[in-house]
Protein backbone atom coordinates (compact mmCIF):
# COMPACT_ATOMS: atom_id res chain seq x y z
CA MET A 1 29.07 39.72 93.22
CA LYS A 2 30.09 42.38 95.71
CA ALA A 3 31.47 41.32 99.08
CA GLU A 4 29.25 41.94 102.08
CA TYR A 5 31.09 42.89 105.23
CA LYS A 6 29.37 43.09 108.59
CA ILE A 7 28.97 45.36 111.61
CA TYR A 8 27.93 43.39 114.66
CA LYS A 9 26.72 44.19 118.16
CA VAL A 10 27.40 42.03 121.20
CA GLU A 11 25.39 42.48 124.40
CA ASN A 12 26.33 41.19 127.83
CA LEU A 13 22.96 39.90 129.07
CA GLU A 14 24.17 40.10 132.67
CA ASN A 15 24.83 43.85 132.76
CA GLY A 16 23.65 45.29 129.43
CA MET A 17 27.10 46.44 128.31
CA LEU A 18 27.70 46.44 124.55
CA TYR A 19 30.52 45.88 122.10
CA ILE A 20 30.48 46.98 118.44
CA GLY A 21 32.71 45.21 115.95
CA ALA A 22 33.34 44.92 112.23
CA THR A 23 34.36 41.86 110.27
CA THR A 24 35.12 40.64 106.79
CA LYS A 25 34.35 37.10 107.98
CA SER A 26 31.09 35.45 109.00
CA ILE A 27 29.69 36.40 112.41
CA GLU A 28 30.26 32.80 113.57
CA GLU A 29 33.97 32.98 112.68
CA ARG A 30 34.38 36.33 114.43
CA LYS A 31 32.60 35.06 117.52
CA ALA A 32 34.95 32.07 117.64
CA ASP A 33 37.95 34.42 117.35
CA HIS A 34 36.77 36.49 120.32
CA ILE A 35 36.08 33.42 122.45
CA TYR A 36 39.53 32.02 121.66
CA LYS A 37 41.20 35.31 122.66
CA SER A 38 39.21 35.35 125.90
CA LYS A 39 40.98 32.14 126.90
CA THR A 40 44.53 33.34 126.22
CA GLY A 41 44.64 36.04 128.89
CA ASN A 42 46.12 38.53 126.43
CA GLY A 43 42.95 40.04 125.03
CA SER A 44 41.08 43.31 125.46
CA PHE A 45 38.56 44.45 128.08
CA PHE A 46 35.86 42.78 125.95
CA HIS A 47 37.75 39.48 125.93
CA GLU A 48 38.22 39.67 129.69
CA ALA A 49 34.46 40.09 130.04
CA ILE A 50 33.81 36.99 127.92
CA GLY A 51 36.26 35.07 130.09
CA THR A 52 34.59 36.32 133.27
CA TYR A 53 30.91 35.88 132.37
CA GLY A 54 31.27 33.02 129.88
CA PRO A 55 30.38 33.03 126.15
CA GLU A 56 26.78 32.03 126.89
CA ALA A 57 26.20 35.39 128.63
CA PHE A 58 26.62 37.30 125.36
CA GLN A 59 24.12 37.82 122.56
CA TRP A 60 25.50 38.45 119.05
CA GLU A 61 23.72 40.08 116.12
CA VAL A 62 24.56 41.72 112.78
CA ILE A 63 23.26 45.30 112.75
CA ASP A 64 24.65 46.66 109.47
CA THR A 65 26.54 45.69 106.32
CA ALA A 66 29.07 47.28 103.97
CA THR A 67 30.37 46.54 100.48
CA ASP A 68 33.96 47.78 100.92
CA LEU A 69 36.49 48.42 103.67
CA ASN A 70 36.07 52.19 103.65
CA GLU A 71 32.33 51.89 104.21
CA LEU A 72 32.91 49.20 106.85
CA ALA A 73 35.32 51.41 108.81
CA LEU A 74 33.02 54.43 108.65
CA LYS A 75 29.98 52.45 109.76
CA GLU A 76 31.87 50.81 112.62
CA SER A 77 32.87 54.24 113.95
CA MET A 78 29.34 55.55 113.44
CA HIS A 79 27.75 52.73 115.46
CA ILE A 80 30.35 52.94 118.24
CA LYS A 81 29.47 56.61 118.64
CA ALA A 82 25.72 55.98 118.36
CA TYR A 83 25.71 53.25 121.03
CA GLN A 84 28.33 55.10 123.13
CA THR A 85 30.25 51.87 123.63
CA MET A 86 33.52 53.64 124.39
CA GLU A 87 31.99 55.45 127.36
CA ASN A 88 29.55 52.77 128.52
CA GLY A 89 30.65 49.57 126.82
CA TYR A 90 33.62 47.43 125.84
CA ASN A 91 35.10 49.36 122.90
CA LYS A 92 38.48 50.94 123.66
CA ASP A 93 38.48 53.31 120.65
CA VAL A 94 36.21 54.63 117.89
CA GLY A 95 37.07 51.78 115.55
CA GLY A 96 37.72 52.14 111.85
CA GLY A 97 41.02 50.30 112.13
CA PHE A 98 40.89 48.60 108.74
CA LYS A 99 43.30 49.64 106.02
CA LYS A 100 41.47 52.12 103.82
CA LYS A 101 42.33 54.86 101.39
CA ILE A 102 42.92 58.35 102.74
CA TYR A 103 42.27 61.43 100.61
CA GLN A 104 44.20 64.66 101.24
CA TYR A 105 42.77 68.10 100.44
CA THR A 106 44.16 71.61 100.61
CA GLU A 107 42.36 74.33 102.57
CA TRP A 108 40.74 75.34 99.26
CA GLY A 109 39.29 71.88 98.71
CA LEU A 110 41.76 70.69 96.06
CA ASN A 111 42.47 66.95 96.23
CA VAL A 112 46.28 66.70 96.30
CA GLY A 113 46.89 63.20 97.60
CA GLU A 114 45.55 59.67 97.83
CA TRP A 115 47.16 57.24 100.28
CA PRO A 116 46.63 53.48 100.81
CA SER A 117 46.52 53.77 104.60
CA LEU A 118 46.69 56.12 107.57
CA ALA A 119 50.36 55.22 108.02
CA TRP A 120 51.29 56.35 104.51
CA ALA A 121 49.20 59.51 104.82
CA ALA A 122 50.93 60.36 108.10
CA LEU A 123 54.35 59.73 106.57
CA SER A 124 53.58 62.18 103.74
CA VAL A 125 53.37 65.08 106.22
CA LEU A 126 55.72 63.62 108.86
CA GLY A 127 52.78 63.39 111.22
CA LYS A 128 50.75 60.92 113.28
CA SER A 129 48.22 58.38 112.00
CA LYS A 130 45.91 59.02 114.97
CA SER A 131 45.74 62.74 114.22
CA ILE A 132 44.76 62.13 110.59
CA SER A 133 42.20 59.55 111.73
CA ASN A 134 40.65 62.14 114.05
CA VAL A 135 40.14 64.48 111.10
CA CYS A 136 38.66 61.71 108.94
CA LEU A 137 36.22 60.82 111.73
CA GLY A 138 35.20 64.45 112.24
CA ASN A 139 36.79 64.86 115.67
CA ASN A 140 39.18 67.55 114.40
CA LYS A 141 38.94 69.93 111.45
CA THR A 142 42.41 69.81 109.87
CA TYR A 143 45.88 68.41 110.50
CA ARG A 144 49.19 69.81 109.29
CA GLY A 145 47.30 72.36 107.19
CA TYR A 146 45.22 69.81 105.29
CA TYR A 147 41.75 68.33 105.33
CA TRP A 148 41.67 64.50 105.35
CA SER A 149 38.85 62.16 104.40
CA TYR A 150 37.99 58.52 103.76
CA LYS A 151 35.91 59.73 100.81
CA SER A 152 37.13 60.64 97.33
CA ASN A 153 35.59 63.83 95.96
CA ASP A 154 34.32 64.71 99.45
CA LEU A 155 31.86 67.52 98.78
CA ASN A 156 31.71 68.43 102.47
CA ILE A 157 35.36 69.49 102.15
CA ILE A 158 35.29 70.83 98.60
CA PHE A 159 32.35 73.09 99.39
CA ASN A 160 32.87 73.56 103.11
CA GLU A 161 31.68 76.67 104.91
CA ASP A 162 35.16 78.21 105.18
CA ASN A 163 35.68 78.02 101.42
CA ARG A 164 32.27 79.50 100.71
CA LYS A 165 33.18 82.52 102.86
CA LYS A 166 36.45 83.26 101.07
CA LYS A 167 36.41 86.38 98.92
CA VAL A 168 36.53 85.69 95.19
CA ILE A 169 38.35 87.85 92.64
CA GLN A 170 37.01 88.03 89.09
CA LYS A 171 39.57 89.02 86.43
CA ASN A 172 39.39 89.43 82.69
CA ILE A 173 41.53 87.23 80.47
CA ASN A 174 44.39 89.78 80.70
CA GLY A 175 44.45 89.53 84.48
CA LYS A 176 42.78 92.87 85.24
CA ILE A 177 40.45 92.79 88.24
CA VAL A 178 36.82 93.19 87.25
CA GLU A 179 35.12 92.63 90.60
CA ILE A 180 35.68 91.23 94.08
CA PHE A 181 32.88 89.19 95.65
CA GLU A 182 32.34 88.18 99.27
CA SER A 183 31.99 84.48 98.43
CA VAL A 184 31.64 81.92 95.66
CA SER A 185 27.89 82.07 96.15
CA ASP A 186 27.79 85.86 95.70
CA ALA A 187 30.00 85.64 92.61
CA SER A 188 27.67 83.06 91.10
CA ASN A 189 24.53 85.04 91.89
CA GLU A 190 25.94 88.25 90.39
CA THR A 191 27.49 86.79 87.24
CA GLY A 192 25.37 83.76 86.46
CA VAL A 193 28.44 81.49 86.40
CA SER A 194 27.83 78.26 88.33
CA LYS A 195 29.30 77.91 91.80
CA THR A 196 30.99 74.67 90.78
CA CYS A 197 32.81 76.31 87.86
CA ILE A 198 33.95 79.27 89.95
CA ALA A 199 35.12 77.03 92.79
CA ARG A 200 37.08 74.81 90.41
CA CYS A 201 38.87 77.83 88.98
CA CYS A 202 39.64 79.10 92.46
CA ARG A 203 41.11 75.71 93.38
CA GLY A 204 43.24 75.65 90.24
CA GLU A 205 41.38 72.74 88.65
CA ARG A 206 40.52 74.76 85.54
CA LYS A 207 41.96 77.93 84.02
CA SER A 208 38.87 80.02 83.37
CA SER A 209 35.09 80.02 83.13
CA ARG A 210 32.85 82.13 80.93
CA GLY A 211 35.89 84.06 79.69
CA TYR A 212 37.03 85.13 83.16
CA LEU A 213 39.75 84.13 85.59
CA TRP A 214 38.66 83.38 89.16
CA ALA A 215 40.75 83.19 92.33
CA TYR A 216 40.40 83.36 96.09
CA GLU A 217 41.65 86.65 97.53
C-alpha cells in the first residue's frame, strides 16, 4: 500500500490569514507539533500567531494528498503560490523543504545527474541549494549552465522551446553535411524522422537515426 502524505491549510478565523503545510504524519500529529512550538517562544511567525490568538482560533483541513516526497514538495509549493500565503499569510518561503531527488540536465536536455537532495546537487556545481531550488520551482530558468528539476525525464526541459529553436545538422554516415534545418521540428517535417529520434541523436543519447547523424549546430 502506497503512503499517503498530506497538504493542509490552516485558517486564522480572527483575521482570515492562511498557512499551508505538508506532512508525512497525520493532521492531528502535525497540529500538536505546531501548538507545542507556539508555546516555546522559538517558533515561526505562524507559531507566534497560534500563541497570540490561541489554538481554538485556527481551523485545520487537508486540501491535497501525495504518494511520495517529491510530489508532496511540489504540491506544497503549488498551494503556497495559489493561496499567496507568503505575501498575505503565515508562510515564510515557497515550501518544498523535504529531501527529494534532483535531476540535472544540460542545455540540450540531456540528463547528466541525479542527486539525493538540493545540498548534494549544489555541491556538484559548487553552488547554492536555494538557487537550484528556484530553478526546480520555475522561478529561474537555469543555474550554473544547467536545468534542474524534481522530475526524472522532464519533458518540459528535454523538449523546451530553446532546444526546439536550435538549428539541426543532418549528416550522412561518413559525416558529410546533407542539410541544415532551422529546428528539430523542421528536420522531422522534411525528412519524416520522428522529432524524438532526432532530438535524442542531437543530445548524444543515440548515434544515428534512419541512417543519418544528427547534431545541433
